[in-house]
Amino acid sequence: MKINGKVVEFQNNKTVLDLLNDYDLNKDRVVVEINLEILENEQYETYILKEHDAIEIISFIGGG
């Protein structure tokens, strides 16, 4: 599995939400793209990651 271009170890039965929690990312402040398709926020809890998924996580950071 690739996350933001880096190969990472694949773990069975992991959802997108599990992955975000592993990286301490707030699901309301990121956009997740899997295999070139943007995943709806509502799908984070139900989408089970697959071994060959290519994942991009884009974080929004406030500033001023």
PDB file of N, CA and C in Angstrom:
ATOM      1  N   MET A   1       0.853  -1.162   0.000  1.00  0.00           N
ATOM      2  CA  MET A   1       0.000   0.000   0.000  1.00  0.00           C
ATOM      3  C   MET A   1       0.904   1.232   0.000  1.00  0.00           C
ATOM      4  N   LYS A   2       0.486   2.256  -0.712  1.00  0.00           N
ATOM      5  CA  LYS A   2       1.243   3.506  -0.753  1.00  0.00           C
ATOM      6  C   LYS A   2       0.425   4.615  -0.116  1.00  0.00           C
ATOM      7  N   ILE A   3       1.094   5.403   0.719  1.00  0.00           N
ATOM      8  CA  ILE A   3       0.470   6.581   1.311  1.00  0.00           C
ATOM      9  C   ILE A   3       1.342   7.779   0.968  1.00  0.00           C
ATOM     10  N   ASN A   4       0.763   8.732   0.264  1.00  0.00           N
ATOM     11  CA  ASN A   4       1.481   9.925  -0.182  1.00  0.00           C
ATOM     12  C   ASN A   4       2.808   9.563  -0.853  1.00  0.00           C
ATOM     13  N   GLY A   5       2.761   8.524  -1.684  1.00  0.00           N
ATOM     14  CA  GLY A   5       3.914   8.122  -2.474  1.00  0.00           C
ATOM     15  C   GLY A   5       4.909   7.207  -1.781  1.00  0.00           C
ATOM     16  N   LYS A   6       4.699   6.924  -0.489  1.00  0.00           N
ATOM     17  CA  LYS A   6       5.617   6.049   0.248  1.00  0.00           C
ATOM     18  C   LYS A   6       4.973   4.687   0.472  1.00  0.00           C
ATOM     19  N   VAL A   7       5.736   3.633   0.232  1.00  0.00           N
ATOM     20  CA  VAL A   7       5.240   2.279   0.471  1.00  0.00           C
ATOM     21  C   VAL A   7       5.224   2.037   1.978  1.00  0.00           C
ATOM     22  N   VAL A   8       4.075   1.589   2.482  1.00  0.00           N
ATOM     23  CA  VAL A   8       3.931   1.268   3.903  1.00  0.00           C
ATOM     24  C   VAL A   8       3.401  -0.149   4.034  1.00  0.00           C
ATOM     25  N   GLU A   9       3.593  -0.721   5.207  1.00  0.00           N
ATOM     26  CA  GLU A   9       3.137  -2.086   5.452  1.00  0.00           C
ATOM     27  C   GLU A   9       1.615  -2.135   5.448  1.00  0.00           C
ATOM     28  N   PHE A  10       1.077  -3.094   4.739  1.00  0.00           N
ATOM     29  CA  PHE A  10      -0.372  -3.281   4.659  1.00  0.00           C
ATOM     30  C   PHE A  10      -0.861  -4.057   5.871  1.00  0.00           C
ATOM     31  N   GLN A  11      -1.991  -3.614   6.441  1.00  0.00           N
ATOM     32  CA  GLN A  11      -2.622  -4.316   7.558  1.00  0.00           C
ATOM     33  C   GLN A  11      -4.057  -4.636   7.167  1.00  0.00           C
ATOM     34  N   ASN A  12      -4.457  -5.890   7.364  1.00  0.00           N
ATOM     35  CA  ASN A  12      -5.810  -6.334   7.011  1.00  0.00           C
ATOM     36  C   ASN A  12      -6.875  -5.643   7.847  1.00  0.00           C
ATOM     37  N   ASN A  13      -8.057  -5.504   7.244  1.00  0.00           N
ATOM     38  CA  ASN A  13      -9.259  -5.008   7.917  1.00  0.00           C
ATOM     39  C   ASN A  13      -9.107  -3.628   8.532  1.00  0.00           C
ATOM     40  N   LYS A  14      -8.328  -2.782   7.900  1.00  0.00           N
ATOM     41  CA  LYS A  14      -8.141  -1.418   8.391  1.00  0.00           C
ATOM     42  C   LYS A  14      -8.974  -0.479   7.531  1.00  0.00           C
ATOM     43  N   THR A  15      -9.724   0.395   8.189  1.00  0.00           N
ATOM     44  CA  THR A  15     -10.516   1.387   7.468  1.00  0.00           C
ATOM     45  C   THR A  15      -9.695   2.659   7.282  1.00  0.00           C
ATOM     46  N   VAL A  16     -10.213   3.548   6.458  1.00  0.00           N
ATOM     47  CA  VAL A  16      -9.572   4.845   6.274  1.00  0.00           C
ATOM     48  C   VAL A  16      -9.536   5.584   7.608  1.00  0.00           C
ATOM     49  N   LEU A  17     -10.614   5.509   8.376  1.00  0.00           N
ATOM     50  CA  LEU A  17     -10.645   6.175   9.678  1.00  0.00           C
ATOM     51  C   LEU A  17      -9.565   5.617  10.603  1.00  0.00           C
ATOM     52  N   ASP A  18      -9.369   4.307  10.600  1.00  0.00           N
ATOM     53  CA  ASP A  18      -8.285   3.703  11.392  1.00  0.00           C
ATOM     54  C   ASP A  18      -6.939   4.290  10.979  1.00  0.00           C
ATOM     55  N   LEU A  19      -6.729   4.401   9.683  1.00  0.00           N
ATOM     56  CA  LEU A  19      -5.473   4.938   9.165  1.00  0.00           C
ATOM     57  C   LEU A  19      -5.272   6.382   9.619  1.00  0.00           C
ATOM     58  N   LEU A  20      -6.317   7.193   9.516  1.00  0.00           N
ATOM     59  CA  LEU A  20      -6.220   8.586   9.954  1.00  0.00           C
ATOM     60  C   LEU A  20      -5.903   8.661  11.440  1.00  0.00           C
ATOM     61  N   ASN A  21      -6.542   7.806  12.226  1.00  0.00           N
ATOM     62  CA  ASN A  21      -6.268   7.776  13.666  1.00  0.00           C
ATOM     63  C   ASN A  21      -4.822   7.376  13.944  1.00  0.00           C
ATOM     64  N   ASP A  22      -4.288   6.436  13.168  1.00  0.00           N
ATOM     65  CA  ASP A  22      -2.888   6.018  13.325  1.00  0.00           C
ATOM     66  C   ASP A  22      -1.932   7.199  13.145  1.00  0.00           C
ATOM     67  N   TYR A  23      -2.292   8.118  12.271  1.00  0.00           N
ATOM     68  CA  TYR A  23      -1.444   9.278  11.990  1.00  0.00           C
ATOM     69  C   TYR A  23      -1.896  10.526  12.761  1.00  0.00           C
ATOM     70  N   ASP A  24      -2.812  10.351  13.715  1.00  0.00           N
ATOM     71  CA  ASP A  24      -3.341  11.464  14.523  1.00  0.00           C
ATOM     72  C   ASP A  24      -3.893  12.593  13.661  1.00  0.00           C
ATOM     73  N   LEU A  25      -4.626  12.220  12.614  1.00  0.00           N
ATOM     74  CA  LEU A  25      -5.234  13.201  11.723  1.00  0.00           C
ATOM     75  C   LEU A  25      -6.729  13.294  11.992  1.00  0.00           C
ATOM     76  N   ASN A  26      -7.232  14.514  12.017  1.00  0.00           N
ATOM     77  CA  ASN A  26      -8.653  14.772  12.225  1.00  0.00           C
ATOM     78  C   ASN A  26      -9.383  14.554  10.902  1.00  0.00           C
ATOM     79  N   LYS A  27     -10.365  13.656  10.901  1.00  0.00           N
ATOM     80  CA  LYS A  27     -11.075  13.319   9.664  1.00  0.00           C
ATOM     81  C   LYS A  27     -11.798  14.511   9.052  1.00  0.00           C
ATOM     82  N   ASP A  28     -12.070  15.529   9.857  1.00  0.00           N
ATOM     83  CA  ASP A  28     -12.758  16.711   9.348  1.00  0.00           C
ATOM     84  C   ASP A  28     -11.801  17.736   8.752  1.00  0.00           C
ATOM     85  N   ARG A  29     -10.490  17.473   8.846  1.00  0.00           N
ATOM     86  CA  ARG A  29      -9.503  18.426   8.333  1.00  0.00           C
ATOM     87  C   ARG A  29      -8.609  17.834   7.252  1.00  0.00           C
ATOM     88  N   VAL A  30      -9.068  16.734   6.659  1.00  0.00           N
ATOM     89  CA  VAL A  30      -8.295  16.111   5.584  1.00  0.00           C
ATOM     90  C   VAL A  30      -9.212  15.724   4.430  1.00  0.00           C
ATOM     91  N   VAL A  31      -8.596  15.533   3.283  1.00  0.00           N
ATOM     92  CA  VAL A  31      -9.257  14.931   2.130  1.00  0.00           C
ATOM     93  C   VAL A  31      -8.444  13.692   1.800  1.00  0.00           C
ATOM     94  N   VAL A  32      -9.138  12.584   1.557  1.00  0.00           N
ATOM     95  CA  VAL A  32      -8.460  11.332   1.244  1.00  0.00           C
ATOM     96  C   VAL A  32      -8.816  10.924  -0.180  1.00  0.00           C
ATOM     97  N   GLU A  33      -7.774  10.651  -0.947  1.00  0.00           N
ATOM     98  CA  GLU A  33      -7.932  10.168  -2.313  1.00  0.00           C
ATOM     99  C   GLU A  33      -7.390   8.742  -2.358  1.00  0.00           C
ATOM    100  N   ILE A  34      -8.178   7.836  -2.906  1.00  0.00           N
ATOM    101  CA  ILE A  34      -7.749   6.447  -3.047  1.00  0.00           C
ATOM    102  C   ILE A  34      -7.843   6.068  -4.516  1.00  0.00           C
ATOM    103  N   ASN A  35      -6.712   5.661  -5.063  1.00  0.00           N
ATOM    104  CA  ASN A  35      -6.642   5.259  -6.472  1.00  0.00           C
ATOM    105  C   ASN A  35      -7.232   6.327  -7.397  1.00  0.00           C
ATOM    106  N   LEU A  36      -6.829   7.572  -7.150  1.00  0.00           N
ATOM    107  CA  LEU A  36      -7.200   8.740  -7.955  1.00  0.00           C
ATOM    108  C   LEU A  36      -8.660   9.158  -7.820  1.00  0.00           C
ATOM    109  N   GLU A  37      -9.372   8.655  -6.812  1.00  0.00           N
ATOM    110  CA  GLU A  37     -10.762   9.051  -6.573  1.00  0.00           C
ATOM    111  C   GLU A  37     -10.891   9.597  -5.163  1.00  0.00           C
ATOM    112  N   ILE A  38     -11.506  10.769  -5.032  1.00  0.00           N
ATOM    113  CA  ILE A  38     -11.702  11.362  -3.709  1.00  0.00           C
ATOM    114  C   ILE A  38     -12.792  10.589  -2.983  1.00  0.00           C
ATOM    115  N   LEU A  39     -12.476  10.219  -1.756  1.00  0.00           N
ATOM    116  CA  LEU A  39     -13.404   9.459  -0.926  1.00  0.00           C
ATOM    117  C   LEU A  39     -14.253  10.432  -0.120  1.00  0.00           C
ATOM    118  N   GLU A  40     -15.554  10.209  -0.091  1.00  0.00           N
ATOM    119  CA  GLU A  40     -16.445  11.039   0.714  1.00  0.00           C
ATOM    120  C   GLU A  40     -16.152  10.809   2.194  1.00  0.00           C
ATOM    121  N   ASN A  41     -16.227  11.860   2.981  1.00  0.00           N
ATOM    122  CA  ASN A  41     -15.960  11.794   4.419  1.00  0.00           C
ATOM    123  C   ASN A  41     -16.785  10.702   5.096  1.00  0.00           C
ATOM    124  N   GLU A  42     -18.010  10.508   4.655  1.00  0.00           N
ATOM    125  CA  GLU A  42     -18.901   9.508   5.254  1.00  0.00           C
ATOM    126  C   GLU A  42     -18.399   8.083   5.029  1.00  0.00           C
ATOM    127  N   GLN A  43     -17.521   7.887   4.055  1.00  0.00           N
ATOM    128  CA  GLN A  43     -17.012   6.552   3.738  1.00  0.00           C
ATOM    129  C   GLN A  43     -15.773   6.174   4.547  1.00  0.00           C
ATOM    130  N   TYR A  44     -15.214   7.103   5.294  1.00  0.00           N
ATOM    131  CA  TYR A  44     -13.977   6.833   6.030  1.00  0.00           C
ATOM    132  C   TYR A  44     -14.128   5.669   7.008  1.00  0.00           C
ATOM    133  N   GLU A  45     -15.299   5.533   7.607  1.00  0.00           N
ATOM    134  CA  GLU A  45     -15.518   4.468   8.597  1.00  0.00           C
ATOM    135  C   GLU A  45     -15.803   3.112   7.962  1.00  0.00           C
ATOM    136  N   THR A  46     -16.199   3.096   6.700  1.00  0.00           N
ATOM    137  CA  THR A  46     -16.624   1.835   6.084  1.00  0.00           C
ATOM    138  C   THR A  46     -15.690   1.327   4.987  1.00  0.00           C
ATOM    139  N   TYR A  47     -14.881   2.199   4.401  1.00  0.00           N
ATOM    140  CA  TYR A  47     -13.989   1.766   3.326  1.00  0.00           C
ATOM    141  C   TYR A  47     -12.838   0.965   3.921  1.00  0.00           C
ATOM    142  N   ILE A  48     -12.737  -0.299   3.540  1.00  0.00           N
ATOM    143  CA  ILE A  48     -11.650  -1.173   3.992  1.00  0.00           C
ATOM    144  C   ILE A  48     -10.500  -1.052   2.994  1.00  0.00           C
ATOM    145  N   LEU A  49      -9.338  -0.694   3.503  1.00  0.00           N
ATOM    146  CA  LEU A  49      -8.168  -0.529   2.642  1.00  0.00           C
ATOM    147  C   LEU A  49      -7.732  -1.856   2.043  1.00  0.00           C
ATOM    148  N   LYS A  50      -7.224  -1.770   0.819  1.00  0.00           N
ATOM    149  CA  LYS A  50      -6.751  -2.958   0.104  1.00  0.00           C
ATOM    150  C   LYS A  50      -5.238  -2.861  -0.093  1.00  0.00           C
ATOM    151  N   GLU A  51      -4.611  -4.004  -0.264  1.00  0.00           N
ATOM    152  CA  GLU A  51      -3.153  -4.069  -0.315  1.00  0.00           C
ATOM    153  C   GLU A  51      -2.530  -3.171  -1.378  1.00  0.00           C
ATOM    154  N   HIS A  52      -3.185  -3.022  -2.515  1.00  0.00           N
ATOM    155  CA  HIS A  52      -2.586  -2.264  -3.615  1.00  0.00           C
ATOM    156  C   HIS A  52      -3.178  -0.865  -3.771  1.00  0.00           C
ATOM    157  N   ASP A  53      -3.867  -0.375  -2.739  1.00  0.00           N
ATOM    158  CA  ASP A  53      -4.412   0.979  -2.797  1.00  0.00           C
ATOM    159  C   ASP A  53      -3.287   2.009  -2.804  1.00  0.00           C
ATOM    160  N   ALA A  54      -3.501   3.056  -3.593  1.00  0.00           N
ATOM    161  CA  ALA A  54      -2.614   4.221  -3.588  1.00  0.00           C
ATOM    162  C   ALA A  54      -3.399   5.347  -2.927  1.00  0.00           C
ATOM    163  N   ILE A  55      -2.925   5.787  -1.779  1.00  0.00           N
ATOM    164  CA  ILE A  55      -3.665   6.731  -0.946  1.00  0.00           C
ATOM    165  C   ILE A  55      -2.922   8.055  -0.888  1.00  0.00           C
ATOM    166  N   GLU A  56      -3.655   9.123  -1.058  1.00  0.00           N
ATOM    167  CA  GLU A  56      -3.117  10.467  -0.856  1.00  0.00           C
ATOM    168  C   GLU A  56      -3.956  11.115   0.231  1.00  0.00           C
ATOM    169  N   ILE A  57      -3.285  11.683   1.224  1.00  0.00           N
ATOM    170  CA  ILE A  57      -3.970  12.374   2.313  1.00  0.00           C
ATOM    171  C   ILE A  57      -3.527  13.828   2.275  1.00  0.00           C
ATOM    172  N   ILE A  58      -4.492  14.720   2.140  1.00  0.00           N
ATOM    173  CA  ILE A  58      -4.210  16.144   2.081  1.00  0.00           C
ATOM    174  C   ILE A  58      -4.792  16.780   3.331  1.00  0.00           C
ATOM    175  N   SER A  59      -3.930  17.426   4.117  1.00  0.00           N
ATOM    176  CA  SER A  59      -4.351  18.063   5.367  1.00  0.00           C
ATOM    177  C   SER A  59      -4.559  19.553   5.156  1.00  0.00           C
ATOM    178  N   PHE A  60      -5.567  20.085   5.837  1.00  0.00           N
ATOM    179  CA  PHE A  60      -5.820  21.519   5.832  1.00  0.00           C
ATOM    180  C   PHE A  60      -5.289  22.091   7.135  1.00  0.00           C
ATOM    181  N   ILE A  61      -4.467  23.126   7.015  1.00  0.00           N
ATOM    182  CA  ILE A  61      -3.869  23.746   8.190  1.00  0.00           C
ATOM    183  C   ILE A  61      -4.242  25.219   8.181  1.00  0.00           C
ATOM    184  N   GLY A  62      -4.821  25.658   9.297  1.00  0.00           N
ATOM    185  CA  GLY A  62      -5.192  27.060   9.418  1.00  0.00           C
ATOM    186  C   GLY A  62      -3.974  27.921   9.715  1.00  0.00           C
ATOM    187  N   GLY A  63      -4.080  29.150   9.375  1.00  0.00           N
ATOM    188  CA  GLY A  63      -2.980  30.067   9.643  1.00  0.00           C
ATOM    189  C   GLY A  63      -3.453  31.493   9.488  1.00  0.00           C
ATOM    190  N   GLY A  64      -2.562  32.375   9.724  1.00  0.00           N
ATOM    191  CA  GLY A  64      -2.994  33.746   9.589  1.00  0.00           C
ATOM    192  C   GLY A  64      -1.880  34.714   9.514  1.00  0.00           C
TER     193      GLY A  64
END
